[in-house]
Amino acid sequence: MTISPAHRHALAHLRRREWDKAHKIVMGLRDKLAFRLHGLVHRIEGDSENARYWYGRAGVQFSKSRTFESEIEEIAKVLTNRPRGAAATRTGTRRSRPRRSGSRRSRA
């Protein structure tokens, strides 16, 4: 997964306090940065249980003590320090290759 314009758009919506628009964007992304943004949206909305889940997926400590603005700026620094197209850590389940039915004989 790469850092996409969608990450930057979600952050821009958060800065403008457009939580619903940011939420719609991050729901379609599947990487640790998107999970963190998703957690922040839920924290802002006051849904701590859901926020904890998404922060956990992102590998980030959930904290109510940080202000929303400081966390938004922290995420902005991450995006600024990564060039467009830089790899983000992808999480999720790995899909294994489909198995063939029957026996496999070696061809020597």
N, C-alpha and C. Protein backbone atom coordinates (compact mmCIF):
# COMPACT_ATOMS: atom_id res chain seq x y z
N MET A 1 0.84 -1.18 0.00
CA MET A 1 0.00 0.00 0.00
C MET A 1 0.88 1.23 0.00
N THR A 2 0.48 2.21 -0.72
CA THR A 2 1.22 3.46 -0.76
C THR A 2 0.40 4.57 -0.11
N ILE A 3 1.09 5.62 0.27
CA ILE A 3 0.40 6.80 0.78
C ILE A 3 -0.30 7.42 -0.42
N SER A 4 -1.59 7.51 -0.32
CA SER A 4 -2.36 7.99 -1.47
C SER A 4 -2.91 9.38 -1.21
N PRO A 5 -3.40 10.01 -2.25
CA PRO A 5 -4.08 11.30 -2.05
C PRO A 5 -5.26 11.17 -1.09
N ALA A 6 -5.84 9.98 -0.99
CA ALA A 6 -6.97 9.77 -0.08
C ALA A 6 -6.57 10.03 1.38
N HIS A 7 -5.36 9.60 1.76
CA HIS A 7 -4.88 9.87 3.12
C HIS A 7 -4.82 11.38 3.37
N ARG A 8 -4.28 12.08 2.39
CA ARG A 8 -4.14 13.54 2.53
C ARG A 8 -5.51 14.23 2.54
N HIS A 9 -6.44 13.73 1.74
CA HIS A 9 -7.79 14.30 1.73
C HIS A 9 -8.49 14.08 3.07
N ALA A 10 -8.33 12.89 3.62
CA ALA A 10 -8.94 12.60 4.93
C ALA A 10 -8.38 13.53 5.99
N LEU A 11 -7.07 13.75 5.97
CA LEU A 11 -6.45 14.66 6.92
C LEU A 11 -6.97 16.08 6.73
N ALA A 12 -7.11 16.51 5.49
CA ALA A 12 -7.62 17.85 5.21
C ALA A 12 -9.04 18.01 5.77
N HIS A 13 -9.86 16.97 5.62
CA HIS A 13 -11.22 17.02 6.18
C HIS A 13 -11.17 17.10 7.71
N LEU A 14 -10.26 16.36 8.32
CA LEU A 14 -10.14 16.43 9.77
C LEU A 14 -9.75 17.83 10.22
N ARG A 15 -8.85 18.45 9.50
CA ARG A 15 -8.44 19.82 9.84
C ARG A 15 -9.60 20.81 9.74
N ARG A 16 -10.53 20.53 8.83
CA ARG A 16 -11.70 21.41 8.65
C ARG A 16 -12.88 20.97 9.51
N ARG A 17 -12.63 19.97 10.36
CA ARG A 17 -13.65 19.43 11.27
C ARG A 17 -14.82 18.80 10.51
N GLU A 18 -14.51 18.21 9.37
CA GLU A 18 -15.50 17.51 8.55
C GLU A 18 -15.34 16.00 8.81
N TRP A 19 -15.78 15.59 10.00
CA TRP A 19 -15.55 14.22 10.46
C TRP A 19 -16.19 13.20 9.53
N ASP A 20 -17.42 13.44 9.11
CA ASP A 20 -18.12 12.47 8.25
C ASP A 20 -17.39 12.24 6.93
N LYS A 21 -16.90 13.32 6.34
CA LYS A 21 -16.18 13.18 5.06
C LYS A 21 -14.88 12.40 5.25
N ALA A 22 -14.17 12.69 6.34
CA ALA A 22 -12.93 11.96 6.63
C ALA A 22 -13.23 10.49 6.88
N HIS A 23 -14.31 10.23 7.59
CA HIS A 23 -14.69 8.86 7.91
C HIS A 23 -15.00 8.06 6.65
N LYS A 24 -15.71 8.66 5.72
CA LYS A 24 -16.04 7.96 4.47
C LYS A 24 -14.79 7.58 3.70
N ILE A 25 -13.79 8.43 3.73
CA ILE A 25 -12.55 8.14 3.02
C ILE A 25 -11.79 7.00 3.67
N VAL A 26 -11.58 7.08 4.99
CA VAL A 26 -10.74 6.08 5.65
C VAL A 26 -11.40 4.72 5.73
N MET A 27 -12.71 4.66 5.62
CA MET A 27 -13.38 3.36 5.65
C MET A 27 -12.98 2.50 4.45
N GLY A 28 -12.56 3.13 3.37
CA GLY A 28 -12.17 2.39 2.17
C GLY A 28 -10.69 2.07 2.08
N LEU A 29 -9.91 2.47 3.08
CA LEU A 29 -8.46 2.25 3.05
C LEU A 29 -8.08 1.15 4.04
N ARG A 30 -7.04 0.40 3.73
CA ARG A 30 -6.63 -0.72 4.57
C ARG A 30 -5.13 -0.71 4.84
N ASP A 31 -4.68 0.28 5.57
CA ASP A 31 -3.29 0.34 5.98
C ASP A 31 -3.21 0.98 7.35
N LYS A 32 -2.07 0.91 7.99
CA LYS A 32 -1.95 1.38 9.37
C LYS A 32 -2.23 2.87 9.53
N LEU A 33 -1.82 3.67 8.57
CA LEU A 33 -2.09 5.10 8.68
C LEU A 33 -3.60 5.38 8.59
N ALA A 34 -4.27 4.70 7.68
CA ALA A 34 -5.73 4.85 7.56
C ALA A 34 -6.42 4.36 8.83
N PHE A 35 -5.91 3.28 9.42
CA PHE A 35 -6.50 2.78 10.66
C PHE A 35 -6.35 3.82 11.77
N ARG A 36 -5.21 4.50 11.80
CA ARG A 36 -5.00 5.55 12.81
C ARG A 36 -5.97 6.71 12.58
N LEU A 37 -6.10 7.12 11.32
CA LEU A 37 -7.05 8.19 11.00
C LEU A 37 -8.47 7.76 11.38
N HIS A 38 -8.80 6.50 11.12
CA HIS A 38 -10.12 5.98 11.45
C HIS A 38 -10.34 6.02 12.96
N GLY A 39 -9.33 5.62 13.72
CA GLY A 39 -9.41 5.69 15.17
C GLY A 39 -9.60 7.10 15.67
N LEU A 40 -8.90 8.04 15.07
CA LEU A 40 -9.03 9.44 15.46
C LEU A 40 -10.44 9.95 15.20
N VAL A 41 -11.01 9.59 14.07
CA VAL A 41 -12.39 10.00 13.77
C VAL A 41 -13.33 9.51 14.87
N HIS A 42 -13.20 8.25 15.26
CA HIS A 42 -14.07 7.71 16.29
C HIS A 42 -13.80 8.35 17.65
N ARG A 43 -12.55 8.68 17.93
CA ARG A 43 -12.22 9.36 19.20
C ARG A 43 -12.88 10.73 19.23
N ILE A 44 -12.81 11.44 18.11
CA ILE A 44 -13.43 12.77 18.02
C ILE A 44 -14.94 12.66 18.22
N GLU A 45 -15.52 11.60 17.66
CA GLU A 45 -16.97 11.40 17.78
C GLU A 45 -17.39 10.93 19.17
N GLY A 46 -16.41 10.61 20.02
CA GLY A 46 -16.71 10.16 21.37
C GLY A 46 -16.95 8.66 21.48
N ASP A 47 -16.65 7.92 20.44
CA ASP A 47 -16.82 6.47 20.43
C ASP A 47 -15.50 5.81 20.80
N SER A 48 -15.19 5.82 22.10
CA SER A 48 -13.88 5.34 22.57
C SER A 48 -13.64 3.87 22.28
N GLU A 49 -14.66 3.05 22.42
CA GLU A 49 -14.48 1.61 22.19
C GLU A 49 -14.07 1.34 20.74
N ASN A 50 -14.75 1.95 19.81
CA ASN A 50 -14.41 1.79 18.40
C ASN A 50 -13.04 2.41 18.10
N ALA A 51 -12.76 3.55 18.72
CA ALA A 51 -11.47 4.20 18.52
C ALA A 51 -10.34 3.29 18.99
N ARG A 52 -10.49 2.66 20.15
CA ARG A 52 -9.46 1.74 20.67
C ARG A 52 -9.19 0.61 19.67
N TYR A 53 -10.26 0.10 19.08
CA TYR A 53 -10.11 -0.97 18.09
C TYR A 53 -9.22 -0.52 16.93
N TRP A 54 -9.52 0.65 16.37
CA TRP A 54 -8.78 1.12 15.20
C TRP A 54 -7.36 1.53 15.55
N TYR A 55 -7.15 2.13 16.73
CA TYR A 55 -5.79 2.44 17.16
C TYR A 55 -4.99 1.14 17.32
N GLY A 56 -5.64 0.11 17.84
CA GLY A 56 -4.97 -1.18 17.97
C GLY A 56 -4.55 -1.73 16.62
N ARG A 57 -5.43 -1.63 15.63
CA ARG A 57 -5.09 -2.09 14.28
C ARG A 57 -3.93 -1.28 13.71
N ALA A 58 -3.86 -0.01 14.09
CA ALA A 58 -2.79 0.87 13.60
C ALA A 58 -1.48 0.67 14.34
N GLY A 59 -1.54 -0.01 15.50
CA GLY A 59 -0.34 -0.19 16.31
C GLY A 59 0.04 1.07 17.05
N VAL A 60 -0.96 1.90 17.38
CA VAL A 60 -0.73 3.18 18.07
C VAL A 60 -1.45 3.14 19.41
N GLN A 61 -0.80 3.66 20.43
CA GLN A 61 -1.38 3.70 21.77
C GLN A 61 -2.57 4.65 21.80
N PHE A 62 -3.69 4.17 22.30
CA PHE A 62 -4.89 5.00 22.47
C PHE A 62 -4.68 5.90 23.67
N SER A 63 -4.92 7.20 23.50
CA SER A 63 -4.74 8.14 24.60
C SER A 63 -5.78 9.25 24.49
N LYS A 64 -6.51 9.44 25.57
CA LYS A 64 -7.47 10.53 25.62
C LYS A 64 -6.80 11.85 25.99
N SER A 65 -5.56 11.77 26.45
CA SER A 65 -4.89 12.98 26.94
C SER A 65 -4.40 13.89 25.82
N ARG A 66 -4.18 13.35 24.65
CA ARG A 66 -3.74 14.19 23.53
C ARG A 66 -4.93 14.98 22.99
N THR A 67 -4.67 16.20 22.56
CA THR A 67 -5.74 16.95 21.92
C THR A 67 -5.90 16.45 20.50
N PHE A 68 -7.09 16.63 19.96
CA PHE A 68 -7.34 16.21 18.58
C PHE A 68 -6.41 16.96 17.63
N GLU A 69 -6.25 18.25 17.90
CA GLU A 69 -5.42 19.08 17.02
C GLU A 69 -3.97 18.61 17.03
N SER A 70 -3.45 18.25 18.21
CA SER A 70 -2.05 17.81 18.26
C SER A 70 -1.87 16.49 17.53
N GLU A 71 -2.87 15.62 17.62
CA GLU A 71 -2.75 14.34 16.91
C GLU A 71 -2.87 14.54 15.40
N ILE A 72 -3.74 15.44 14.99
CA ILE A 72 -3.87 15.75 13.56
C ILE A 72 -2.53 16.26 13.03
N GLU A 73 -1.89 17.13 13.79
CA GLU A 73 -0.59 17.67 13.35
C GLU A 73 0.50 16.59 13.36
N GLU A 74 0.42 15.67 14.31
CA GLU A 74 1.38 14.56 14.36
C GLU A 74 1.24 13.69 13.10
N ILE A 75 0.00 13.42 12.71
CA ILE A 75 -0.25 12.62 11.51
C ILE A 75 0.20 13.40 10.27
N ALA A 76 -0.03 14.71 10.27
CA ALA A 76 0.40 15.55 9.15
C ALA A 76 1.91 15.47 8.96
N LYS A 77 2.66 15.43 10.05
CA LYS A 77 4.12 15.31 9.96
C LYS A 77 4.51 13.98 9.32
N VAL A 78 3.79 12.93 9.67
CA VAL A 78 4.06 11.62 9.07
C VAL A 78 3.85 11.70 7.56
N LEU A 79 2.75 12.32 7.15
CA LEU A 79 2.46 12.45 5.72
C LEU A 79 3.46 13.36 5.02
N THR A 80 3.90 14.41 5.69
CA THR A 80 4.84 15.35 5.09
C THR A 80 6.21 14.72 4.92
N ASN A 81 6.59 13.88 5.88
CA ASN A 81 7.92 13.26 5.82
C ASN A 81 7.99 12.10 4.84
N ARG A 82 6.84 11.62 4.39
CA ARG A 82 6.82 10.54 3.41
C ARG A 82 6.51 11.12 2.05
N PRO A 83 7.34 10.84 1.08
CA PRO A 83 7.02 11.30 -0.26
C PRO A 83 5.80 10.56 -0.79
N ARG A 84 5.12 11.17 -1.73
CA ARG A 84 3.96 10.51 -2.34
C ARG A 84 4.43 9.19 -2.93
N GLY A 85 3.63 8.17 -2.72
CA GLY A 85 3.97 6.87 -3.25
C GLY A 85 4.86 6.05 -2.35
N ALA A 86 5.27 6.61 -1.18
CA ALA A 86 6.09 5.83 -0.26
C ALA A 86 5.25 4.74 0.36
N ALA A 87 5.89 3.65 0.67
CA ALA A 87 5.15 2.49 1.18
C ALA A 87 4.65 2.74 2.59
N ALA A 88 3.43 2.34 2.85
CA ALA A 88 2.87 2.32 4.19
C ALA A 88 2.77 0.86 4.60
N THR A 89 2.78 0.63 5.89
CA THR A 89 2.68 -0.74 6.35
C THR A 89 1.27 -1.25 6.15
N ARG A 90 1.15 -2.34 5.46
CA ARG A 90 -0.16 -2.93 5.20
C ARG A 90 -0.42 -4.01 6.23
N THR A 91 -1.65 -4.06 6.69
CA THR A 91 -2.03 -5.11 7.62
C THR A 91 -3.24 -5.83 7.08
N GLY A 92 -3.58 -6.88 7.72
CA GLY A 92 -4.75 -7.64 7.29
C GLY A 92 -4.36 -9.09 7.15
N THR A 93 -5.27 -9.84 6.64
CA THR A 93 -5.00 -11.26 6.50
C THR A 93 -4.30 -11.53 5.18
N ARG A 94 -3.39 -12.46 5.23
CA ARG A 94 -2.72 -12.88 4.00
C ARG A 94 -3.55 -13.94 3.36
N ARG A 95 -3.67 -13.85 2.11
CA ARG A 95 -4.41 -14.87 1.38
C ARG A 95 -3.43 -15.90 0.88
N SER A 96 -3.72 -17.14 1.20
CA SER A 96 -2.84 -18.20 0.71
C SER A 96 -3.26 -18.58 -0.70
N ARG A 97 -2.33 -19.16 -1.41
CA ARG A 97 -2.61 -19.59 -2.77
C ARG A 97 -3.62 -20.72 -2.75
N PRO A 98 -4.48 -20.78 -3.72
CA PRO A 98 -5.44 -21.89 -3.77
C PRO A 98 -4.70 -23.21 -3.90
N ARG A 99 -5.20 -24.19 -3.19
CA ARG A 99 -4.57 -25.52 -3.24
C ARG A 99 -5.16 -26.32 -4.38
N ARG A 100 -4.30 -27.11 -4.97
CA ARG A 100 -4.77 -28.00 -6.03
C ARG A 100 -5.34 -29.25 -5.38
N SER A 101 -6.34 -29.76 -6.00
CA SER A 101 -6.89 -31.01 -5.49
C SER A 101 -6.11 -32.17 -6.11
N GLY A 102 -6.11 -33.27 -5.41
CA GLY A 102 -5.40 -34.44 -5.93
C GLY A 102 -3.96 -34.45 -5.49
N SER A 103 -3.24 -35.43 -5.92
CA SER A 103 -1.84 -35.55 -5.52
C SER A 103 -0.95 -34.85 -6.53
N ARG A 104 0.20 -34.47 -6.04
CA ARG A 104 1.21 -33.85 -6.90
C ARG A 104 2.34 -34.83 -7.07
N ARG A 105 2.65 -35.15 -8.26
CA ARG A 105 3.78 -36.03 -8.54
C ARG A 105 4.93 -35.18 -9.02
N SER A 106 6.09 -35.54 -8.55
CA SER A 106 7.26 -34.81 -9.04
C SER A 106 7.61 -35.32 -10.43
N ARG A 107 8.05 -34.43 -11.23
CA ARG A 107 8.43 -34.80 -12.59
C ARG A 107 9.94 -34.74 -12.68
N ALA A 108 10.56 -35.87 -12.61
CA ALA A 108 12.02 -35.89 -12.61
C ALA A 108 12.56 -36.26 -13.96
